mmCIF file of all heavy atoms, coordinates in Angstrom:
data_MODEL
# 
_entry.id   MODEL 
# 
loop_
_atom_site.group_PDB 
_atom_site.id 
_atom_site.type_symbol 
_atom_site.label_atom_id 
_atom_site.label_alt_id 
_atom_site.label_comp_id 
_atom_site.label_asym_id 
_atom_site.label_entity_id 
_atom_site.label_seq_id 
_atom_site.pdbx_PDB_ins_code 
_atom_site.Cartn_x 
_atom_site.Cartn_y 
_atom_site.Cartn_z 
_atom_site.occupancy 
_atom_site.B_iso_or_equiv 
_atom_site.pdbx_formal_charge 
_atom_site.auth_seq_id 
_atom_site.auth_comp_id 
_atom_site.auth_asym_id 
_atom_site.auth_atom_id 
_atom_site.pdbx_PDB_model_num 
ATOM 1   N N   . GLU A 1 1  ? 84.590 38.047 -22.430 1.00 0.00 ? 1  GLU A N   1 
ATOM 2   C CA  . GLU A 1 1  ? 83.735 39.121 -21.939 1.00 0.00 ? 1  GLU A CA  1 
ATOM 3   C C   . GLU A 1 1  ? 84.537 40.324 -21.465 1.00 0.00 ? 1  GLU A C   1 
ATOM 4   O O   . GLU A 1 1  ? 84.090 41.465 -21.597 1.00 0.00 ? 1  GLU A O   1 
ATOM 5   C CB  . GLU A 1 1  ? 82.842 38.590 -20.811 1.00 0.00 ? 1  GLU A CB  1 
ATOM 6   C CG  . GLU A 1 1  ? 81.717 39.523 -20.446 1.00 0.00 ? 1  GLU A CG  1 
ATOM 7   C CD  . GLU A 1 1  ? 80.695 38.883 -19.521 1.00 0.00 ? 1  GLU A CD  1 
ATOM 8   O OE1 . GLU A 1 1  ? 80.544 37.649 -19.546 1.00 0.00 ? 1  GLU A OE1 1 
ATOM 9   O OE2 . GLU A 1 1  ? 80.055 39.644 -18.770 1.00 0.00 ? 1  GLU A OE2 1 
ATOM 10  N N   . ARG A 1 2  ? 85.719 40.085 -20.928 1.00 0.00 ? 2  ARG A N   1 
ATOM 11  C CA  . ARG A 1 2  ? 86.546 41.206 -20.471 1.00 0.00 ? 2  ARG A CA  1 
ATOM 12  C C   . ARG A 1 2  ? 86.942 42.095 -21.650 1.00 0.00 ? 2  ARG A C   1 
ATOM 13  O O   . ARG A 1 2  ? 86.858 43.329 -21.565 1.00 0.00 ? 2  ARG A O   1 
ATOM 14  C CB  . ARG A 1 2  ? 87.800 40.673 -19.770 1.00 0.00 ? 2  ARG A CB  1 
ATOM 15  C CG  . ARG A 1 2  ? 88.750 41.771 -19.300 1.00 0.00 ? 2  ARG A CG  1 
ATOM 16  C CD  . ARG A 1 2  ? 89.884 41.166 -18.482 1.00 0.00 ? 2  ARG A CD  1 
ATOM 17  N NE  . ARG A 1 2  ? 90.847 42.182 -18.097 1.00 0.00 ? 2  ARG A NE  1 
ATOM 18  C CZ  . ARG A 1 2  ? 91.911 42.519 -18.809 1.00 0.00 ? 2  ARG A CZ  1 
ATOM 19  N NH1 . ARG A 1 2  ? 92.151 41.907 -19.963 1.00 0.00 ? 2  ARG A NH1 1 
ATOM 20  N NH2 . ARG A 1 2  ? 92.739 43.450 -18.402 1.00 0.00 ? 2  ARG A NH2 1 
ATOM 21  N N   . THR A 1 3  ? 87.369 41.479 -22.733 1.00 0.00 ? 3  THR A N   1 
ATOM 22  C CA  . THR A 1 3  ? 87.721 42.254 -23.928 1.00 0.00 ? 3  THR A CA  1 
ATOM 23  C C   . THR A 1 3  ? 86.498 42.985 -24.475 1.00 0.00 ? 3  THR A C   1 
ATOM 24  O O   . THR A 1 3  ? 86.586 44.147 -24.880 1.00 0.00 ? 3  THR A O   1 
ATOM 25  C CB  . THR A 1 3  ? 88.289 41.331 -25.017 1.00 0.00 ? 3  THR A CB  1 
ATOM 26  O OG1 . THR A 1 3  ? 89.355 40.551 -24.467 1.00 0.00 ? 3  THR A OG1 1 
ATOM 27  C CG2 . THR A 1 3  ? 88.812 42.129 -26.194 1.00 0.00 ? 3  THR A CG2 1 
ATOM 28  N N   . LEU A 1 4  ? 85.362 42.306 -24.474 1.00 0.00 ? 4  LEU A N   1 
ATOM 29  C CA  . LEU A 1 4  ? 84.132 42.902 -24.976 1.00 0.00 ? 4  LEU A CA  1 
ATOM 30  C C   . LEU A 1 4  ? 83.746 44.141 -24.175 1.00 0.00 ? 4  LEU A C   1 
ATOM 31  O O   . LEU A 1 4  ? 83.384 45.176 -24.745 1.00 0.00 ? 4  LEU A O   1 
ATOM 32  C CB  . LEU A 1 4  ? 83.003 41.869 -24.945 1.00 0.00 ? 4  LEU A CB  1 
ATOM 33  C CG  . LEU A 1 4  ? 81.646 42.318 -25.480 1.00 0.00 ? 4  LEU A CG  1 
ATOM 34  C CD1 . LEU A 1 4  ? 81.726 42.622 -26.969 1.00 0.00 ? 4  LEU A CD1 1 
ATOM 35  C CD2 . LEU A 1 4  ? 80.590 41.237 -25.210 1.00 0.00 ? 4  LEU A CD2 1 
ATOM 36  N N   . ARG A 1 5  ? 83.827 44.047 -22.858 1.00 0.00 ? 5  ARG A N   1 
ATOM 37  C CA  . ARG A 1 5  ? 83.473 45.204 -22.024 1.00 0.00 ? 5  ARG A CA  1 
ATOM 38  C C   . ARG A 1 5  ? 84.464 46.348 -22.234 1.00 0.00 ? 5  ARG A C   1 
ATOM 39  O O   . ARG A 1 5  ? 84.081 47.523 -22.225 1.00 0.00 ? 5  ARG A O   1 
ATOM 40  C CB  . ARG A 1 5  ? 83.421 44.796 -20.551 1.00 0.00 ? 5  ARG A CB  1 
ATOM 41  C CG  . ARG A 1 5  ? 82.271 43.859 -20.232 1.00 0.00 ? 5  ARG A CG  1 
ATOM 42  C CD  . ARG A 1 5  ? 82.087 43.614 -18.756 1.00 0.00 ? 5  ARG A CD  1 
ATOM 43  N NE  . ARG A 1 5  ? 80.984 42.707 -18.519 1.00 0.00 ? 5  ARG A NE  1 
ATOM 44  C CZ  . ARG A 1 5  ? 79.697 43.072 -18.501 1.00 0.00 ? 5  ARG A CZ  1 
ATOM 45  N NH1 . ARG A 1 5  ? 79.379 44.334 -18.708 1.00 0.00 ? 5  ARG A NH1 1 
ATOM 46  N NH2 . ARG A 1 5  ? 78.749 42.182 -18.280 1.00 0.00 ? 5  ARG A NH2 1 
ATOM 47  N N   . GLY A 1 6  ? 85.733 46.014 -22.442 1.00 0.00 ? 6  GLY A N   1 
ATOM 48  C CA  . GLY A 1 6  ? 86.706 47.044 -22.744 1.00 0.00 ? 6  GLY A CA  1 
ATOM 49  C C   . GLY A 1 6  ? 86.398 47.746 -24.053 1.00 0.00 ? 6  GLY A C   1 
ATOM 50  O O   . GLY A 1 6  ? 86.571 48.962 -24.179 1.00 0.00 ? 6  GLY A O   1 
ATOM 51  N N   . VAL A 1 7  ? 85.917 46.978 -25.035 1.00 0.00 ? 7  VAL A N   1 
ATOM 52  C CA  . VAL A 1 7  ? 85.532 47.556 -26.327 1.00 0.00 ? 7  VAL A CA  1 
ATOM 53  C C   . VAL A 1 7  ? 84.365 48.522 -26.155 1.00 0.00 ? 7  VAL A C   1 
ATOM 54  O O   . VAL A 1 7  ? 84.337 49.599 -26.761 1.00 0.00 ? 7  VAL A O   1 
ATOM 55  C CB  . VAL A 1 7  ? 85.169 46.437 -27.328 1.00 0.00 ? 7  VAL A CB  1 
ATOM 56  C CG1 . VAL A 1 7  ? 84.379 46.993 -28.503 1.00 0.00 ? 7  VAL A CG1 1 
ATOM 57  C CG2 . VAL A 1 7  ? 86.427 45.754 -27.836 1.00 0.00 ? 7  VAL A CG2 1 
ATOM 58  N N   . VAL A 1 8  ? 83.396 48.138 -25.318 1.00 0.00 ? 8  VAL A N   1 
ATOM 59  C CA  . VAL A 1 8  ? 82.247 49.022 -25.076 1.00 0.00 ? 8  VAL A CA  1 
ATOM 60  C C   . VAL A 1 8  ? 82.713 50.352 -24.498 1.00 0.00 ? 8  VAL A C   1 
ATOM 61  O O   . VAL A 1 8  ? 82.271 51.429 -24.933 1.00 0.00 ? 8  VAL A O   1 
ATOM 62  C CB  . VAL A 1 8  ? 81.243 48.347 -24.129 1.00 0.00 ? 8  VAL A CB  1 
ATOM 63  C CG1 . VAL A 1 8  ? 80.157 49.343 -23.693 1.00 0.00 ? 8  VAL A CG1 1 
ATOM 64  C CG2 . VAL A 1 8  ? 80.591 47.149 -24.806 1.00 0.00 ? 8  VAL A CG2 1 
ATOM 65  N N   . TRP A 1 9  ? 83.642 50.311 -23.553 1.00 0.00 ? 9  TRP A N   1 
ATOM 66  C CA  . TRP A 1 9  ? 84.145 51.555 -22.974 1.00 0.00 ? 9  TRP A CA  1 
ATOM 67  C C   . TRP A 1 9  ? 84.980 52.336 -23.986 1.00 0.00 ? 9  TRP A C   1 
ATOM 68  O O   . TRP A 1 9  ? 84.994 53.576 -23.966 1.00 0.00 ? 9  TRP A O   1 
ATOM 69  C CB  . TRP A 1 9  ? 84.941 51.269 -21.702 1.00 0.00 ? 9  TRP A CB  1 
ATOM 70  C CG  . TRP A 1 9  ? 84.036 50.970 -20.539 1.00 0.00 ? 9  TRP A CG  1 
ATOM 71  C CD1 . TRP A 1 9  ? 83.759 49.759 -19.997 1.00 0.00 ? 9  TRP A CD1 1 
ATOM 72  C CD2 . TRP A 1 9  ? 83.253 51.928 -19.814 1.00 0.00 ? 9  TRP A CD2 1 
ATOM 73  N NE1 . TRP A 1 9  ? 82.860 49.887 -18.974 1.00 0.00 ? 9  TRP A NE1 1 
ATOM 74  C CE2 . TRP A 1 9  ? 82.538 51.208 -18.828 1.00 0.00 ? 9  TRP A CE2 1 
ATOM 75  C CE3 . TRP A 1 9  ? 83.097 53.304 -19.895 1.00 0.00 ? 9  TRP A CE3 1 
ATOM 76  C CZ2 . TRP A 1 9  ? 81.668 51.837 -17.944 1.00 0.00 ? 9  TRP A CZ2 1 
ATOM 77  C CZ3 . TRP A 1 9  ? 82.235 53.930 -19.005 1.00 0.00 ? 9  TRP A CZ3 1 
ATOM 78  C CH2 . TRP A 1 9  ? 81.536 53.205 -18.039 1.00 0.00 ? 9  TRP A CH2 1 
ATOM 79  N N   . SER A 1 10 ? 85.658 51.638 -24.895 1.00 0.00 ? 10 SER A N   1 
ATOM 80  C CA  . SER A 1 10 ? 86.375 52.338 -25.970 1.00 0.00 ? 10 SER A CA  1 
ATOM 81  C C   . SER A 1 10 ? 85.396 53.100 -26.856 1.00 0.00 ? 10 SER A C   1 
ATOM 82  O O   . SER A 1 10 ? 85.652 54.247 -27.250 1.00 0.00 ? 10 SER A O   1 
ATOM 83  C CB  . SER A 1 10 ? 87.171 51.339 -26.818 1.00 0.00 ? 10 SER A CB  1 
ATOM 84  O OG  . SER A 1 10 ? 88.211 50.750 -26.079 1.00 0.00 ? 10 SER A OG  1 
ATOM 85  N N   . LEU A 1 11 ? 84.272 52.458 -27.171 1.00 0.00 ? 11 LEU A N   1 
ATOM 86  C CA  . LEU A 1 11 ? 83.252 53.110 -27.990 1.00 0.00 ? 11 LEU A CA  1 
ATOM 87  C C   . LEU A 1 11 ? 82.625 54.294 -27.265 1.00 0.00 ? 11 LEU A C   1 
ATOM 88  O O   . LEU A 1 11 ? 82.407 55.359 -27.851 1.00 0.00 ? 11 LEU A O   1 
ATOM 89  C CB  . LEU A 1 11 ? 82.170 52.102 -28.374 1.00 0.00 ? 11 LEU A CB  1 
ATOM 90  C CG  . LEU A 1 11 ? 82.589 50.997 -29.340 1.00 0.00 ? 11 LEU A CG  1 
ATOM 91  C CD1 . LEU A 1 11 ? 81.495 49.931 -29.448 1.00 0.00 ? 11 LEU A CD1 1 
ATOM 92  C CD2 . LEU A 1 11 ? 82.896 51.564 -30.723 1.00 0.00 ? 11 LEU A CD2 1 
ATOM 93  N N   . LEU A 1 12 ? 82.330 54.116 -25.977 1.00 0.00 ? 12 LEU A N   1 
ATOM 94  C CA  . LEU A 1 12 ? 81.745 55.216 -25.206 1.00 0.00 ? 12 LEU A CA  1 
ATOM 95  C C   . LEU A 1 12 ? 82.727 56.372 -25.071 1.00 0.00 ? 12 LEU A C   1 
ATOM 96  O O   . LEU A 1 12 ? 82.323 57.545 -25.097 1.00 0.00 ? 12 LEU A O   1 
ATOM 97  C CB  . LEU A 1 12 ? 81.312 54.719 -23.825 1.00 0.00 ? 12 LEU A CB  1 
ATOM 98  C CG  . LEU A 1 12 ? 80.171 53.686 -23.814 1.00 0.00 ? 12 LEU A CG  1 
ATOM 99  C CD1 . LEU A 1 12 ? 79.807 53.318 -22.385 1.00 0.00 ? 12 LEU A CD1 1 
ATOM 100 C CD2 . LEU A 1 12 ? 78.953 54.224 -24.552 1.00 0.00 ? 12 LEU A CD2 1 
ATOM 101 N N   . LEU A 1 13 ? 84.012 56.046 -24.932 1.00 0.00 ? 13 LEU A N   1 
ATOM 102 C CA  . LEU A 1 13 ? 85.025 57.106 -24.879 1.00 0.00 ? 13 LEU A CA  1 
ATOM 103 C C   . LEU A 1 13 ? 85.080 57.855 -26.213 1.00 0.00 ? 13 LEU A C   1 
ATOM 104 O O   . LEU A 1 13 ? 85.178 59.093 -26.241 1.00 0.00 ? 13 LEU A O   1 
ATOM 105 C CB  . LEU A 1 13 ? 86.392 56.503 -24.550 1.00 0.00 ? 13 LEU A CB  1 
ATOM 106 C CG  . LEU A 1 13 ? 87.566 57.491 -24.491 1.00 0.00 ? 13 LEU A CG  1 
ATOM 107 C CD1 . LEU A 1 13 ? 87.337 58.533 -23.395 1.00 0.00 ? 13 LEU A CD1 1 
ATOM 108 C CD2 . LEU A 1 13 ? 88.881 56.737 -24.259 1.00 0.00 ? 13 LEU A CD2 1 
ATOM 109 N N   . ALA A 1 14 ? 84.995 57.115 -27.312 1.00 0.00 ? 14 ALA A N   1 
ATOM 110 C CA  . ALA A 1 14 ? 84.990 57.753 -28.632 1.00 0.00 ? 14 ALA A CA  1 
ATOM 111 C C   . ALA A 1 14 ? 83.795 58.678 -28.782 1.00 0.00 ? 14 ALA A C   1 
ATOM 112 O O   . ALA A 1 14 ? 83.915 59.826 -29.238 1.00 0.00 ? 14 ALA A O   1 
ATOM 113 C CB  . ALA A 1 14 ? 84.984 56.684 -29.727 1.00 0.00 ? 14 ALA A CB  1 
ATOM 114 N N   . GLY A 1 15 ? 82.615 58.200 -28.396 1.00 0.00 ? 15 GLY A N   1 
ATOM 115 C CA  . GLY A 1 15 ? 81.415 59.012 -28.492 1.00 0.00 ? 15 GLY A CA  1 
ATOM 116 C C   . GLY A 1 15 ? 81.477 60.250 -27.614 1.00 0.00 ? 15 GLY A C   1 
ATOM 117 O O   . GLY A 1 15 ? 81.058 61.338 -28.032 1.00 0.00 ? 15 GLY A O   1 
ATOM 118 N N   . SER A 1 16 ? 82.002 60.100 -26.406 1.00 0.00 ? 16 SER A N   1 
ATOM 119 C CA  . SER A 1 16 ? 82.076 61.247 -25.500 1.00 0.00 ? 16 SER A CA  1 
ATOM 120 C C   . SER A 1 16 ? 83.091 62.269 -25.987 1.00 0.00 ? 16 SER A C   1 
ATOM 121 O O   . SER A 1 16 ? 82.862 63.480 -25.878 1.00 0.00 ? 16 SER A O   1 
ATOM 122 C CB  . SER A 1 16 ? 82.421 60.785 -24.075 1.00 0.00 ? 16 SER A CB  1 
ATOM 123 O OG  . SER A 1 16 ? 83.657 60.105 -24.053 1.00 0.00 ? 16 SER A OG  1 
ATOM 124 N N   . CYS A 1 17 ? 84.219 61.819 -26.541 1.00 0.00 ? 17 CYS A N   1 
ATOM 125 C CA  . CYS A 1 17 ? 85.219 62.755 -27.077 1.00 0.00 ? 17 CYS A CA  1 
ATOM 126 C C   . CYS A 1 17 ? 84.664 63.546 -28.250 1.00 0.00 ? 17 CYS A C   1 
ATOM 127 O O   . CYS A 1 17 ? 84.806 64.782 -28.317 1.00 0.00 ? 17 CYS A O   1 
ATOM 128 C CB  . CYS A 1 17 ? 86.477 62.000 -27.505 1.00 0.00 ? 17 CYS A CB  1 
ATOM 129 S SG  . CYS A 1 17 ? 87.467 61.360 -26.132 1.00 0.00 ? 17 CYS A SG  1 
ATOM 130 N N   . LEU A 1 18 ? 84.013 62.847 -29.181 1.00 0.00 ? 18 LEU A N   1 
ATOM 131 C CA  . LEU A 1 18 ? 83.434 63.529 -30.336 1.00 0.00 ? 18 LEU A CA  1 
ATOM 132 C C   . LEU A 1 18 ? 82.303 64.459 -29.910 1.00 0.00 ? 18 LEU A C   1 
ATOM 133 O O   . LEU A 1 18 ? 82.177 65.585 -30.410 1.00 0.00 ? 18 LEU A O   1 
ATOM 134 C CB  . LEU A 1 18 ? 82.933 62.504 -31.354 1.00 0.00 ? 18 LEU A CB  1 
ATOM 135 C CG  . LEU A 1 18 ? 84.004 61.644 -32.028 1.00 0.00 ? 18 LEU A CG  1 
ATOM 136 C CD1 . LEU A 1 18 ? 83.353 60.588 -32.922 1.00 0.00 ? 18 LEU A CD1 1 
ATOM 137 C CD2 . LEU A 1 18 ? 84.968 62.498 -32.844 1.00 0.00 ? 18 LEU A CD2 1 
ATOM 138 N N   . GLY A 1 19 ? 81.461 63.984 -28.991 1.00 0.00 ? 19 GLY A N   1 
ATOM 139 C CA  . GLY A 1 19 ? 80.362 64.810 -28.511 1.00 0.00 ? 19 GLY A CA  1 
ATOM 140 C C   . GLY A 1 19 ? 80.851 66.050 -27.792 1.00 0.00 ? 19 GLY A C   1 
ATOM 141 O O   . GLY A 1 19 ? 80.320 67.151 -28.000 1.00 0.00 ? 19 GLY A O   1 
ATOM 142 N N   . ALA A 1 20 ? 81.868 65.902 -26.947 1.00 0.00 ? 20 ALA A N   1 
ATOM 143 C CA  . ALA A 1 20 ? 82.416 67.045 -26.222 1.00 0.00 ? 20 ALA A CA  1 
ATOM 144 C C   . ALA A 1 20 ? 83.006 68.068 -27.182 1.00 0.00 ? 20 ALA A C   1 
ATOM 145 O O   . ALA A 1 20 ? 82.847 69.287 -26.993 1.00 0.00 ? 20 ALA A O   1 
ATOM 146 C CB  . ALA A 1 20 ? 83.477 66.568 -25.228 1.00 0.00 ? 20 ALA A CB  1 
ATOM 147 N N   . LEU A 1 21 ? 83.670 67.594 -28.223 1.00 0.00 ? 21 LEU A N   1 
ATOM 148 C CA  . LEU A 1 21 ? 84.253 68.512 -29.203 1.00 0.00 ? 21 LEU A CA  1 
ATOM 149 C C   . LEU A 1 21 ? 83.153 69.259 -29.958 1.00 0.00 ? 21 LEU A C   1 
ATOM 150 O O   . LEU A 1 21 ? 83.279 70.468 -30.227 1.00 0.00 ? 21 LEU A O   1 
ATOM 151 C CB  . LEU A 1 21 ? 85.134 67.731 -30.173 1.00 0.00 ? 21 LEU A CB  1 
ATOM 152 C CG  . LEU A 1 21 ? 86.064 68.543 -31.080 1.00 0.00 ? 21 LEU A CG  1 
ATOM 153 C CD1 . LEU A 1 21 ? 86.940 69.475 -30.270 1.00 0.00 ? 21 LEU A CD1 1 
ATOM 154 C CD2 . LEU A 1 21 ? 86.916 67.609 -31.927 1.00 0.00 ? 21 LEU A CD2 1 
ATOM 155 N N   . SER A 1 22 ? 82.070 68.563 -30.289 1.00 0.00 ? 22 SER A N   1 
ATOM 156 C CA  . SER A 1 22 ? 80.948 69.218 -30.963 1.00 0.00 ? 22 SER A CA  1 
ATOM 157 C C   . SER A 1 22 ? 80.313 70.272 -30.061 1.00 0.00 ? 22 SER A C   1 
ATOM 158 O O   . SER A 1 22 ? 79.961 71.369 -30.514 1.00 0.00 ? 22 SER A O   1 
ATOM 159 C CB  . SER A 1 22 ? 79.892 68.179 -31.370 1.00 0.00 ? 22 SER A CB  1 
ATOM 160 O OG  . SER A 1 22 ? 80.369 67.338 -32.395 1.00 0.00 ? 22 SER A OG  1 
ATOM 161 N N   . VAL A 1 23 ? 80.144 69.946 -28.786 1.00 0.00 ? 23 VAL A N   1 
ATOM 162 C CA  . VAL A 1 23 ? 79.564 70.897 -27.837 1.00 0.00 ? 23 VAL A CA  1 
ATOM 163 C C   . VAL A 1 23 ? 80.453 72.129 -27.715 1.00 0.00 ? 23 VAL A C   1 
ATOM 164 O O   . VAL A 1 23 ? 79.964 73.273 -27.715 1.00 0.00 ? 23 VAL A O   1 
ATOM 165 C CB  . VAL A 1 23 ? 79.357 70.235 -26.458 1.00 0.00 ? 23 VAL A CB  1 
ATOM 166 C CG1 . VAL A 1 23 ? 78.980 71.273 -25.412 1.00 0.00 ? 23 VAL A CG1 1 
ATOM 167 C CG2 . VAL A 1 23 ? 78.286 69.153 -26.543 1.00 0.00 ? 23 VAL A CG2 1 
ATOM 168 N N   . PHE A 1 24 ? 81.749 71.921 -27.619 1.00 0.00 ? 24 PHE A N   1 
ATOM 169 C CA  . PHE A 1 24 ? 82.678 73.045 -27.500 1.00 0.00 ? 24 PHE A CA  1 
ATOM 170 C C   . PHE A 1 24 ? 82.631 73.926 -28.740 1.00 0.00 ? 24 PHE A C   1 
ATOM 171 O O   . PHE A 1 24 ? 82.598 75.164 -28.647 1.00 0.00 ? 24 PHE A O   1 
ATOM 172 C CB  . PHE A 1 24 ? 84.099 72.521 -27.278 1.00 0.00 ? 24 PHE A CB  1 
ATOM 173 C CG  . PHE A 1 24 ? 85.124 73.613 -27.105 1.00 0.00 ? 24 PHE A CG  1 
ATOM 174 C CD1 . PHE A 1 24 ? 85.266 74.260 -25.897 1.00 0.00 ? 24 PHE A CD1 1 
ATOM 175 C CD2 . PHE A 1 24 ? 85.932 74.003 -28.176 1.00 0.00 ? 24 PHE A CD2 1 
ATOM 176 C CE1 . PHE A 1 24 ? 86.198 75.284 -25.735 1.00 0.00 ? 24 PHE A CE1 1 
ATOM 177 C CE2 . PHE A 1 24 ? 86.858 75.013 -28.033 1.00 0.00 ? 24 PHE A CE2 1 
ATOM 178 C CZ  . PHE A 1 24 ? 86.994 75.657 -26.802 1.00 0.00 ? 24 PHE A CZ  1 
ATOM 179 N N   . GLN A 1 25 ? 82.608 73.302 -29.916 1.00 0.00 ? 25 GLN A N   1 
ATOM 180 C CA  . GLN A 1 25 ? 82.553 74.069 -31.156 1.00 0.00 ? 25 GLN A CA  1 
ATOM 181 C C   . GLN A 1 25 ? 81.250 74.865 -31.245 1.00 0.00 ? 25 GLN A C   1 
ATOM 182 O O   . GLN A 1 25 ? 81.249 76.031 -31.673 1.00 0.00 ? 25 GLN A O   1 
ATOM 183 C CB  . GLN A 1 25 ? 82.678 73.124 -32.358 1.00 0.00 ? 25 GLN A CB  1 
ATOM 184 C CG  . GLN A 1 25 ? 82.786 73.828 -33.701 1.00 0.00 ? 25 GLN A CG  1 
ATOM 185 C CD  . GLN A 1 25 ? 82.821 72.841 -34.861 1.00 0.00 ? 25 GLN A CD  1 
ATOM 186 O OE1 . GLN A 1 25 ? 82.008 71.920 -34.920 1.00 0.00 ? 25 GLN A OE1 1 
ATOM 187 N NE2 . GLN A 1 25 ? 83.756 73.024 -35.772 1.00 0.00 ? 25 GLN A NE2 1 
# 
């Protein structure tokens, strides 16, 4: 479960980075 929760935060970080870049553009 620890690895799984870390993966979820990796995915959320990916989504937030891409979303922030789209907003900036």
